[in-house]
Amino acid sequence: MATENISFNVLTHELVPEHYLLSEEEAQQILDKLKITKDQLPKIRKSDAAIKVLEHIYGPIEAGRVIKVVRKSSTAEEFTAYRLVTGS
């Protein structure tokens, strides 16, 4: 697995939601659907532990990329949120 060099993969912890890097096309489709701009998304720092793990999977993640966060919920079953990667 590409994350074997990480001392602890936070994405495997049961309390951490799933994180996915969206392609530019996927991100634009989401922004169009929500009728918002990237600047209106909540932020996630490039130095966040989840982003560091994703970089081992996808390679370097630049500021301005969009991350999809999927939380499991007992009431809503699944909740999807999006975050804009910002500088460290």
PDB file of N, CA and C in Angstrom:
ATOM      1  N   MET A   1       0.837  -1.187   0.000  1.00  0.00           N
ATOM      2  CA  MET A   1       0.000   0.000   0.000  1.00  0.00           C
ATOM      3  C   MET A   1       0.876   1.242   0.000  1.00  0.00           C
ATOM      4  N   ALA A   2       0.428   2.296  -0.639  1.00  0.00           N
ATOM      5  CA  ALA A   2       1.220   3.518  -0.775  1.00  0.00           C
ATOM      6  C   ALA A   2       1.409   4.243   0.548  1.00  0.00           C
ATOM      7  N   THR A   3       0.633   3.924   1.557  1.00  0.00           N
ATOM      8  CA  THR A   3       0.723   4.619   2.839  1.00  0.00           C
ATOM      9  C   THR A   3       1.578   3.873   3.846  1.00  0.00           C
ATOM     10  N   GLU A   4       2.352   2.877   3.432  1.00  0.00           N
ATOM     11  CA  GLU A   4       3.115   2.077   4.379  1.00  0.00           C
ATOM     12  C   GLU A   4       4.260   2.853   5.031  1.00  0.00           C
ATOM     13  N   ASN A   5       4.692   3.981   4.471  1.00  0.00           N
ATOM     14  CA  ASN A   5       5.762   4.785   5.056  1.00  0.00           C
ATOM     15  C   ASN A   5       5.260   5.747   6.125  1.00  0.00           C
ATOM     16  N   ILE A   6       3.967   5.794   6.344  1.00  0.00           N
ATOM     17  CA  ILE A   6       3.396   6.680   7.350  1.00  0.00           C
ATOM     18  C   ILE A   6       3.389   5.939   8.678  1.00  0.00           C
ATOM     19  N   SER A   7       3.810   6.638   9.763  1.00  0.00           N
ATOM     20  CA  SER A   7       3.859   5.961  11.053  1.00  0.00           C
ATOM     21  C   SER A   7       2.464   5.622  11.560  1.00  0.00           C
ATOM     22  N   PHE A   8       1.470   6.468  11.252  1.00  0.00           N
ATOM     23  CA  PHE A   8       0.086   6.177  11.628  1.00  0.00           C
ATOM     24  C   PHE A   8      -0.836   6.749  10.570  1.00  0.00           C
ATOM     25  N   ASN A   9      -1.632   5.910   9.948  1.00  0.00           N
ATOM     26  CA  ASN A   9      -2.563   6.338   8.915  1.00  0.00           C
ATOM     27  C   ASN A   9      -3.875   6.739   9.586  1.00  0.00           C
ATOM     28  N   VAL A  10      -4.090   8.038   9.738  1.00  0.00           N
ATOM     29  CA  VAL A  10      -5.284   8.523  10.435  1.00  0.00           C
ATOM     30  C   VAL A  10      -6.566   8.123   9.723  1.00  0.00           C
ATOM     31  N   LEU A  11      -6.506   7.893   8.423  1.00  0.00           N
ATOM     32  CA  LEU A  11      -7.715   7.562   7.675  1.00  0.00           C
ATOM     33  C   LEU A  11      -8.240   6.170   8.000  1.00  0.00           C
ATOM     34  N   THR A  12      -7.452   5.350   8.676  1.00  0.00           N
ATOM     35  CA  THR A  12      -7.916   4.021   9.056  1.00  0.00           C
ATOM     36  C   THR A  12      -8.606   4.026  10.423  1.00  0.00           C
ATOM     37  N   HIS A  13      -8.543   5.139  11.131  1.00  0.00           N
ATOM     38  CA  HIS A  13      -9.178   5.213  12.449  1.00  0.00           C
ATOM     39  C   HIS A  13     -10.689   5.286  12.291  1.00  0.00           C
ATOM     40  N   GLU A  14     -11.427   4.590  13.138  1.00  0.00           N
ATOM     41  CA  GLU A  14     -12.882   4.508  13.009  1.00  0.00           C
ATOM     42  C   GLU A  14     -13.599   5.841  13.192  1.00  0.00           C
ATOM     43  N   LEU A  15     -12.998   6.798  13.861  1.00  0.00           N
ATOM     44  CA  LEU A  15     -13.635   8.089  14.078  1.00  0.00           C
ATOM     45  C   LEU A  15     -13.327   9.127  13.005  1.00  0.00           C
ATOM     46  N   VAL A  16     -12.423   8.791  12.090  1.00  0.00           N
ATOM     47  CA  VAL A  16     -12.046   9.726  11.030  1.00  0.00           C
ATOM     48  C   VAL A  16     -12.873   9.411   9.783  1.00  0.00           C
ATOM     49  N   PRO A  17     -13.561  10.430   9.241  1.00  0.00           N
ATOM     50  CA  PRO A  17     -14.365  10.179   8.036  1.00  0.00           C
ATOM     51  C   PRO A  17     -13.482   9.893   6.824  1.00  0.00           C
ATOM     52  N   GLU A  18     -14.083   9.318   5.792  1.00  0.00           N
ATOM     53  CA  GLU A  18     -13.367   9.025   4.562  1.00  0.00           C
ATOM     54  C   GLU A  18     -13.045  10.328   3.830  1.00  0.00           C
ATOM     55  N   HIS A  19     -11.853  10.421   3.256  1.00  0.00           N
ATOM     56  CA  HIS A  19     -11.415  11.590   2.503  1.00  0.00           C
ATOM     57  C   HIS A  19     -11.030  11.155   1.091  1.00  0.00           C
ATOM     58  N   TYR A  20     -11.436  11.941   0.097  1.00  0.00           N
ATOM     59  CA  TYR A  20     -11.108  11.653  -1.296  1.00  0.00           C
ATOM     60  C   TYR A  20     -10.694  12.943  -1.992  1.00  0.00           C
ATOM     61  N   LEU A  21      -9.685  12.865  -2.822  1.00  0.00           N
ATOM     62  CA  LEU A  21      -9.285  14.003  -3.645  1.00  0.00           C
ATOM     63  C   LEU A  21     -10.126  13.985  -4.915  1.00  0.00           C
ATOM     64  N   LEU A  22     -10.815  15.091  -5.191  1.00  0.00           N
ATOM     65  CA  LEU A  22     -11.621  15.178  -6.406  1.00  0.00           C
ATOM     66  C   LEU A  22     -10.780  15.694  -7.559  1.00  0.00           C
ATOM     67  N   SER A  23     -11.077  15.221  -8.752  1.00  0.00           N
ATOM     68  CA  SER A  23     -10.429  15.781  -9.938  1.00  0.00           C
ATOM     69  C   SER A  23     -10.970  17.189 -10.141  1.00  0.00           C
ATOM     70  N   GLU A  24     -10.301  17.973 -10.951  1.00  0.00           N
ATOM     71  CA  GLU A  24     -10.766  19.340 -11.214  1.00  0.00           C
ATOM     72  C   GLU A  24     -12.167  19.323 -11.829  1.00  0.00           C
ATOM     73  N   GLU A  25     -12.439  18.347 -12.696  1.00  0.00           N
ATOM     74  CA  GLU A  25     -13.751  18.253 -13.345  1.00  0.00           C
ATOM     75  C   GLU A  25     -14.832  17.899 -12.334  1.00  0.00           C
ATOM     76  N   GLU A  26     -14.542  16.932 -11.446  1.00  0.00           N
ATOM     77  CA  GLU A  26     -15.504  16.553 -10.406  1.00  0.00           C
ATOM     78  C   GLU A  26     -15.787  17.717  -9.477  1.00  0.00           C
ATOM     79  N   ALA A  27     -14.726  18.442  -9.113  1.00  0.00           N
ATOM     80  CA  ALA A  27     -14.883  19.589  -8.223  1.00  0.00           C
ATOM     81  C   ALA A  27     -15.760  20.650  -8.875  1.00  0.00           C
ATOM     82  N   GLN A  28     -15.531  20.928 -10.145  1.00  0.00           N
ATOM     83  CA  GLN A  28     -16.327  21.946 -10.838  1.00  0.00           C
ATOM     84  C   GLN A  28     -17.787  21.528 -10.936  1.00  0.00           C
ATOM     85  N   GLN A  29     -18.054  20.248 -11.163  1.00  0.00           N
ATOM     86  CA  GLN A  29     -19.429  19.759 -11.207  1.00  0.00           C
ATOM     87  C   GLN A  29     -20.129  19.970  -9.865  1.00  0.00           C
ATOM     88  N   ILE A  30     -19.429  19.699  -8.771  1.00  0.00           N
ATOM     89  CA  ILE A  30     -20.001  19.891  -7.436  1.00  0.00           C
ATOM     90  C   ILE A  30     -20.271  21.369  -7.185  1.00  0.00           C
ATOM     91  N   LEU A  31     -19.310  22.221  -7.527  1.00  0.00           N
ATOM     92  CA  LEU A  31     -19.480  23.659  -7.322  1.00  0.00           C
ATOM     93  C   LEU A  31     -20.660  24.189  -8.141  1.00  0.00           C
ATOM     94  N   ASP A  32     -20.789  23.720  -9.372  1.00  0.00           N
ATOM     95  CA  ASP A  32     -21.916  24.131 -10.221  1.00  0.00           C
ATOM     96  C   ASP A  32     -23.239  23.665  -9.628  1.00  0.00           C
ATOM     97  N   LYS A  33     -23.264  22.433  -9.146  1.00  0.00           N
ATOM     98  CA  LYS A  33     -24.487  21.878  -8.560  1.00  0.00           C
ATOM     99  C   LYS A  33     -24.900  22.661  -7.312  1.00  0.00           C
ATOM    100  N   LEU A  34     -23.917  23.022  -6.478  1.00  0.00           N
ATOM    101  CA  LEU A  34     -24.195  23.754  -5.243  1.00  0.00           C
ATOM    102  C   LEU A  34     -24.330  25.265  -5.470  1.00  0.00           C
ATOM    103  N   LYS A  35     -23.977  25.707  -6.681  1.00  0.00           N
ATOM    104  CA  LYS A  35     -24.016  27.130  -7.049  1.00  0.00           C
ATOM    105  C   LYS A  35     -23.167  27.985  -6.102  1.00  0.00           C
ATOM    106  N   ILE A  36     -21.927  27.521  -5.905  1.00  0.00           N
ATOM    107  CA  ILE A  36     -20.975  28.253  -5.064  1.00  0.00           C
ATOM    108  C   ILE A  36     -19.622  28.294  -5.768  1.00  0.00           C
ATOM    109  N   THR A  37     -18.716  29.085  -5.197  1.00  0.00           N
ATOM    110  CA  THR A  37     -17.340  29.128  -5.691  1.00  0.00           C
ATOM    111  C   THR A  37     -16.447  28.367  -4.716  1.00  0.00           C
ATOM    112  N   LYS A  38     -15.229  28.070  -5.136  1.00  0.00           N
ATOM    113  CA  LYS A  38     -14.294  27.369  -4.253  1.00  0.00           C
ATOM    114  C   LYS A  38     -14.071  28.127  -2.949  1.00  0.00           C
ATOM    115  N   ASP A  39     -14.019  29.454  -3.030  1.00  0.00           N
ATOM    116  CA  ASP A  39     -13.758  30.265  -1.840  1.00  0.00           C
ATOM    117  C   ASP A  39     -14.847  30.137  -0.788  1.00  0.00           C
ATOM    118  N   GLN A  40     -16.023  29.677  -1.184  1.00  0.00           N
ATOM    119  CA  GLN A  40     -17.127  29.537  -0.243  1.00  0.00           C
ATOM    120  C   GLN A  40     -17.116  28.192   0.489  1.00  0.00           C
ATOM    121  N   LEU A  41     -16.229  27.299   0.096  1.00  0.00           N
ATOM    122  CA  LEU A  41     -16.124  26.003   0.769  1.00  0.00           C
ATOM    123  C   LEU A  41     -15.389  26.150   2.095  1.00  0.00           C
ATOM    124  N   PRO A  42     -15.711  25.298   3.073  1.00  0.00           N
ATOM    125  CA  PRO A  42     -14.896  25.256   4.290  1.00  0.00           C
ATOM    126  C   PRO A  42     -13.474  24.855   3.904  1.00  0.00           C
ATOM    127  N   LYS A  43     -12.515  25.219   4.716  1.00  0.00           N
ATOM    128  CA  LYS A  43     -11.106  24.998   4.388  1.00  0.00           C
ATOM    129  C   LYS A  43     -10.535  23.803   5.138  1.00  0.00           C
ATOM    130  N   ILE A  44      -9.495  23.225   4.548  1.00  0.00           N
ATOM    131  CA  ILE A  44      -8.678  22.211   5.211  1.00  0.00           C
ATOM    132  C   ILE A  44      -7.230  22.539   4.863  1.00  0.00           C
ATOM    133  N   ARG A  45      -6.382  22.586   5.870  1.00  0.00           N
ATOM    134  CA  ARG A  45      -4.983  22.952   5.634  1.00  0.00           C
ATOM    135  C   ARG A  45      -4.206  21.820   4.971  1.00  0.00           C
ATOM    136  N   LYS A  46      -3.250  22.221   4.142  1.00  0.00           N
ATOM    137  CA  LYS A  46      -2.375  21.256   3.475  1.00  0.00           C
ATOM    138  C   LYS A  46      -1.588  20.450   4.507  1.00  0.00           C
ATOM    139  N   SER A  47      -1.397  21.003   5.691  1.00  0.00           N
ATOM    140  CA  SER A  47      -0.651  20.321   6.746  1.00  0.00           C
ATOM    141  C   SER A  47      -1.521  19.362   7.569  1.00  0.00           C
ATOM    142  N   ASP A  48      -2.820  19.278   7.273  1.00  0.00           N
ATOM    143  CA  ASP A  48      -3.714  18.374   7.986  1.00  0.00           C
ATOM    144  C   ASP A  48      -3.242  16.927   7.805  1.00  0.00           C
ATOM    145  N   ALA A  49      -3.368  16.136   8.851  1.00  0.00           N
ATOM    146  CA  ALA A  49      -2.897  14.741   8.806  1.00  0.00           C
ATOM    147  C   ALA A  49      -3.578  13.947   7.686  1.00  0.00           C
ATOM    148  N   ALA A  50      -4.863  14.186   7.450  1.00  0.00           N
ATOM    149  CA  ALA A  50      -5.577  13.460   6.385  1.00  0.00           C
ATOM    150  C   ALA A  50      -5.011  13.813   5.011  1.00  0.00           C
ATOM    151  N   ILE A  51      -4.643  15.065   4.807  1.00  0.00           N
ATOM    152  CA  ILE A  51      -4.067  15.488   3.527  1.00  0.00           C
ATOM    153  C   ILE A  51      -2.701  14.833   3.339  1.00  0.00           C
ATOM    154  N   LYS A  52      -1.929  14.736   4.406  1.00  0.00           N
ATOM    155  CA  LYS A  52      -0.616  14.083   4.317  1.00  0.00           C
ATOM    156  C   LYS A  52      -0.762  12.634   3.873  1.00  0.00           C
ATOM    157  N   VAL A  53      -1.768  11.933   4.398  1.00  0.00           N
ATOM    158  CA  VAL A  53      -2.001  10.548   3.989  1.00  0.00           C
ATOM    159  C   VAL A  53      -2.440  10.504   2.527  1.00  0.00           C
ATOM    160  N   LEU A  54      -3.342  11.391   2.134  1.00  0.00           N
ATOM    161  CA  LEU A  54      -3.807  11.429   0.742  1.00  0.00           C
ATOM    162  C   LEU A  54      -2.660  11.703  -0.225  1.00  0.00           C
ATOM    163  N   GLU A  55      -1.673  12.493   0.205  1.00  0.00           N
ATOM    164  CA  GLU A  55      -0.525  12.780  -0.657  1.00  0.00           C
ATOM    165  C   GLU A  55       0.303  11.517  -0.929  1.00  0.00           C
ATOM    166  N   HIS A  56       0.292  10.572   0.002  1.00  0.00           N
ATOM    167  CA  HIS A  56       0.985   9.302  -0.241  1.00  0.00           C
ATOM    168  C   HIS A  56       0.236   8.464  -1.268  1.00  0.00           C
ATOM    169  N   ILE A  57      -1.042   8.705  -1.409  1.00  0.00           N
ATOM    170  CA  ILE A  57      -1.865   7.960  -2.367  1.00  0.00           C
ATOM    171  C   ILE A  57      -1.871   8.647  -3.727  1.00  0.00           C
ATOM    172  N   TYR A  58      -2.167   9.958  -3.737  1.00  0.00           N
ATOM    173  CA  TYR A  58      -2.364  10.707  -4.985  1.00  0.00           C
ATOM    174  C   TYR A  58      -1.141  11.490  -5.449  1.00  0.00           C
ATOM    175  N   GLY A  59      -0.143  11.650  -4.604  1.00  0.00           N
ATOM    176  CA  GLY A  59       0.979  12.535  -4.921  1.00  0.00           C
ATOM    177  C   GLY A  59       0.708  13.908  -4.326  1.00  0.00           C
ATOM    178  N   PRO A  60       1.577  14.878  -4.605  1.00  0.00           N
ATOM    179  CA  PRO A  60       1.422  16.209  -4.014  1.00  0.00           C
ATOM    180  C   PRO A  60       0.032  16.811  -4.291  1.00  0.00           C
ATOM    181  N   ILE A  61      -0.568  17.381  -3.251  1.00  0.00           N
ATOM    182  CA  ILE A  61      -1.878  18.030  -3.371  1.00  0.00           C
ATOM    183  C   ILE A  61      -1.664  19.522  -3.179  1.00  0.00           C
ATOM    184  N   GLU A  62      -1.943  20.278  -4.202  1.00  0.00           N
ATOM    185  CA  GLU A  62      -1.733  21.722  -4.171  1.00  0.00           C
ATOM    186  C   GLU A  62      -2.923  22.442  -3.532  1.00  0.00           C
ATOM    187  N   ALA A  63      -2.650  23.637  -3.006  1.00  0.00           N
ATOM    188  CA  ALA A  63      -3.721  24.490  -2.496  1.00  0.00           C
ATOM    189  C   ALA A  63      -4.689  24.779  -3.644  1.00  0.00           C
ATOM    190  N   GLY A  64      -5.974  24.818  -3.336  1.00  0.00           N
ATOM    191  CA  GLY A  64      -6.976  25.068  -4.358  1.00  0.00           C
ATOM    192  C   GLY A  64      -7.698  23.812  -4.810  1.00  0.00           C
ATOM    193  N   ARG A  65      -7.199  22.650  -4.416  1.00  0.00           N
ATOM    194  CA  ARG A  65      -7.877  21.387  -4.757  1.00  0.00           C
ATOM    195  C   ARG A  65      -9.039  21.163  -3.788  1.00  0.00           C
ATOM    196  N   VAL A  66      -9.982  20.328  -4.200  1.00  0.00           N
ATOM    197  CA  VAL A  66     -11.168  20.074  -3.387  1.00  0.00           C
ATOM    198  C   VAL A  66     -11.136  18.634  -2.882  1.00  0.00           C
ATOM    199  N   ILE A  67     -11.427  18.478  -1.594  1.00  0.00           N
ATOM    200  CA  ILE A  67     -11.467  17.177  -0.928  1.00  0.00           C
ATOM    201  C   ILE A  67     -12.917  16.855  -0.585  1.00  0.00           C
ATOM    202  N   LYS A  68     -13.316  15.632  -0.863  1.00  0.00           N
ATOM    203  CA  LYS A  68     -14.647  15.143  -0.496  1.00  0.00           C
ATOM    204  C   LYS A  68     -14.502  14.388   0.825  1.00  0.00           C
ATOM    205  N   VAL A  69     -15.347  14.738   1.813  1.00  0.00           N
ATOM    206  CA  VAL A  69     -15.311  14.099   3.121  1.00  0.00           C
ATOM    207  C   VAL A  69     -16.657  13.414   3.344  1.00  0.00           C
ATOM    208  N   VAL A  70     -16.626  12.106   3.562  1.00  0.00           N
ATOM    209  CA  VAL A  70     -17.861  11.328   3.737  1.00  0.00           C
ATOM    210  C   VAL A  70     -17.903  10.811   5.167  1.00  0.00           C
ATOM    211  N   ARG A  71     -18.891  11.288   5.913  1.00  0.00           N
ATOM    212  CA  ARG A  71     -19.070  10.863   7.301  1.00  0.00           C
ATOM    213  C   ARG A  71     -20.219   9.872   7.398  1.00  0.00           C
ATOM    214  N   LYS A  72     -20.010   8.824   8.140  1.00  0.00           N
ATOM    215  CA  LYS A  72     -21.079   7.869   8.426  1.00  0.00           C
ATOM    216  C   LYS A  72     -21.862   8.394   9.624  1.00  0.00           C
ATOM    217  N   SER A  73     -23.180   8.250   9.577  1.00  0.00           N
ATOM    218  CA  SER A  73     -24.027   8.776  10.632  1.00  0.00           C
ATOM    219  C   SER A  73     -25.144   7.787  10.936  1.00  0.00           C
ATOM    220  N   SER A  74     -25.477   7.649  12.197  1.00  0.00           N
ATOM    221  CA  SER A  74     -26.565   6.747  12.561  1.00  0.00           C
ATOM    222  C   SER A  74     -27.920   7.328  12.185  1.00  0.00           C
ATOM    223  N   THR A  75     -28.012   8.635  12.056  1.00  0.00           N
ATOM    224  CA  THR A  75     -29.290   9.259  11.711  1.00  0.00           C
ATOM    225  C   THR A  75     -29.409   9.578  10.228  1.00  0.00           C
ATOM    226  N   ALA A  76     -28.336  10.061   9.625  1.00  0.00           N
ATOM    227  CA  ALA A  76     -28.392  10.455   8.214  1.00  0.00           C
ATOM    228  C   ALA A  76     -27.769   9.392   7.302  1.00  0.00           C
ATOM    229  N   GLU A  77     -27.304   8.310   7.860  1.00  0.00           N
ATOM    230  CA  GLU A  77     -26.595   7.243   7.162  1.00  0.00           C
ATOM    231  C   GLU A  77     -25.256   7.714   6.609  1.00  0.00           C
ATOM    232  N   GLU A  78     -25.270   8.718   5.756  1.00  0.00           N
ATOM    233  CA  GLU A  78     -24.034   9.223   5.167  1.00  0.00           C
ATOM    234  C   GLU A  78     -24.185  10.716   4.903  1.00  0.00           C
ATOM    235  N   PHE A  79     -23.165  11.475   5.290  1.00  0.00           N
ATOM    236  CA  PHE A  79     -23.166  12.919   5.057  1.00  0.00           C
ATOM    237  C   PHE A  79     -21.901  13.269   4.293  1.00  0.00           C
ATOM    238  N   THR A  80     -22.070  13.962   3.171  1.00  0.00           N
ATOM    239  CA  THR A  80     -20.930  14.345   2.338  1.00  0.00           C
ATOM    240  C   THR A  80     -20.683  15.842   2.455  1.00  0.00           C
ATOM    241  N   ALA A  81     -19.439  16.194   2.688  1.00  0.00           N
ATOM    242  CA  ALA A  81     -19.026  17.589   2.764  1.00  0.00           C
ATOM    243  C   ALA A  81     -17.821  17.769   1.838  1.00  0.00           C
ATOM    244  N   TYR A  82     -17.527  18.994   1.497  1.00  0.00           N
ATOM    245  CA  TYR A  82     -16.385  19.297   0.630  1.00  0.00           C
ATOM    246  C   TYR A  82     -15.530  20.347   1.297  1.00  0.00           C
ATOM    247  N   ARG A  83     -14.215  20.220   1.132  1.00  0.00           N
ATOM    248  CA  ARG A  83     -13.250  21.143   1.741  1.00  0.00           C
ATOM    249  C   ARG A  83     -12.280  21.627   0.678  1.00  0.00           C
ATOM    250  N   LEU A  84     -11.876  22.877   0.799  1.00  0.00           N
ATOM    251  CA  LEU A  84     -10.881  23.478  -0.080  1.00  0.00           C
ATOM    252  C   LEU A  84      -9.518  23.413   0.604  1.00  0.00           C
ATOM    253  N   VAL A  85      -8.529  22.847  -0.063  1.00  0.00           N
ATOM    254  CA  VAL A  85      -7.189  22.758   0.494  1.00  0.00           C
ATOM    255  C   VAL A  85      -6.547  24.140   0.444  1.00  0.00           C
ATOM    256  N   THR A  86      -6.025  24.574   1.594  1.00  0.00           N
ATOM    257  CA  THR A  86      -5.323  25.859   1.677  1.00  0.00           C
ATOM    258  C   THR A  86      -3.867  25.594   2.056  1.00  0.00           C
ATOM    259  N   GLY A  87      -3.034  26.610   1.941  1.00  0.00           N
ATOM    260  CA  GLY A  87      -1.620  26.465   2.270  1.00  0.00           C
ATOM    261  C   GLY A  87      -1.409  26.014   3.699  1.00  0.00           C
ATOM    262  N   SER A  88      -0.209  25.569   3.972  1.00  0.00           N
ATOM    263  CA  SER A  88       0.102  25.025   5.308  1.00  0.00           C
ATOM    264  C   SER A  88      -0.064  26.089   6.346  1.00  0.00           C
TER     265      SER A  88
END
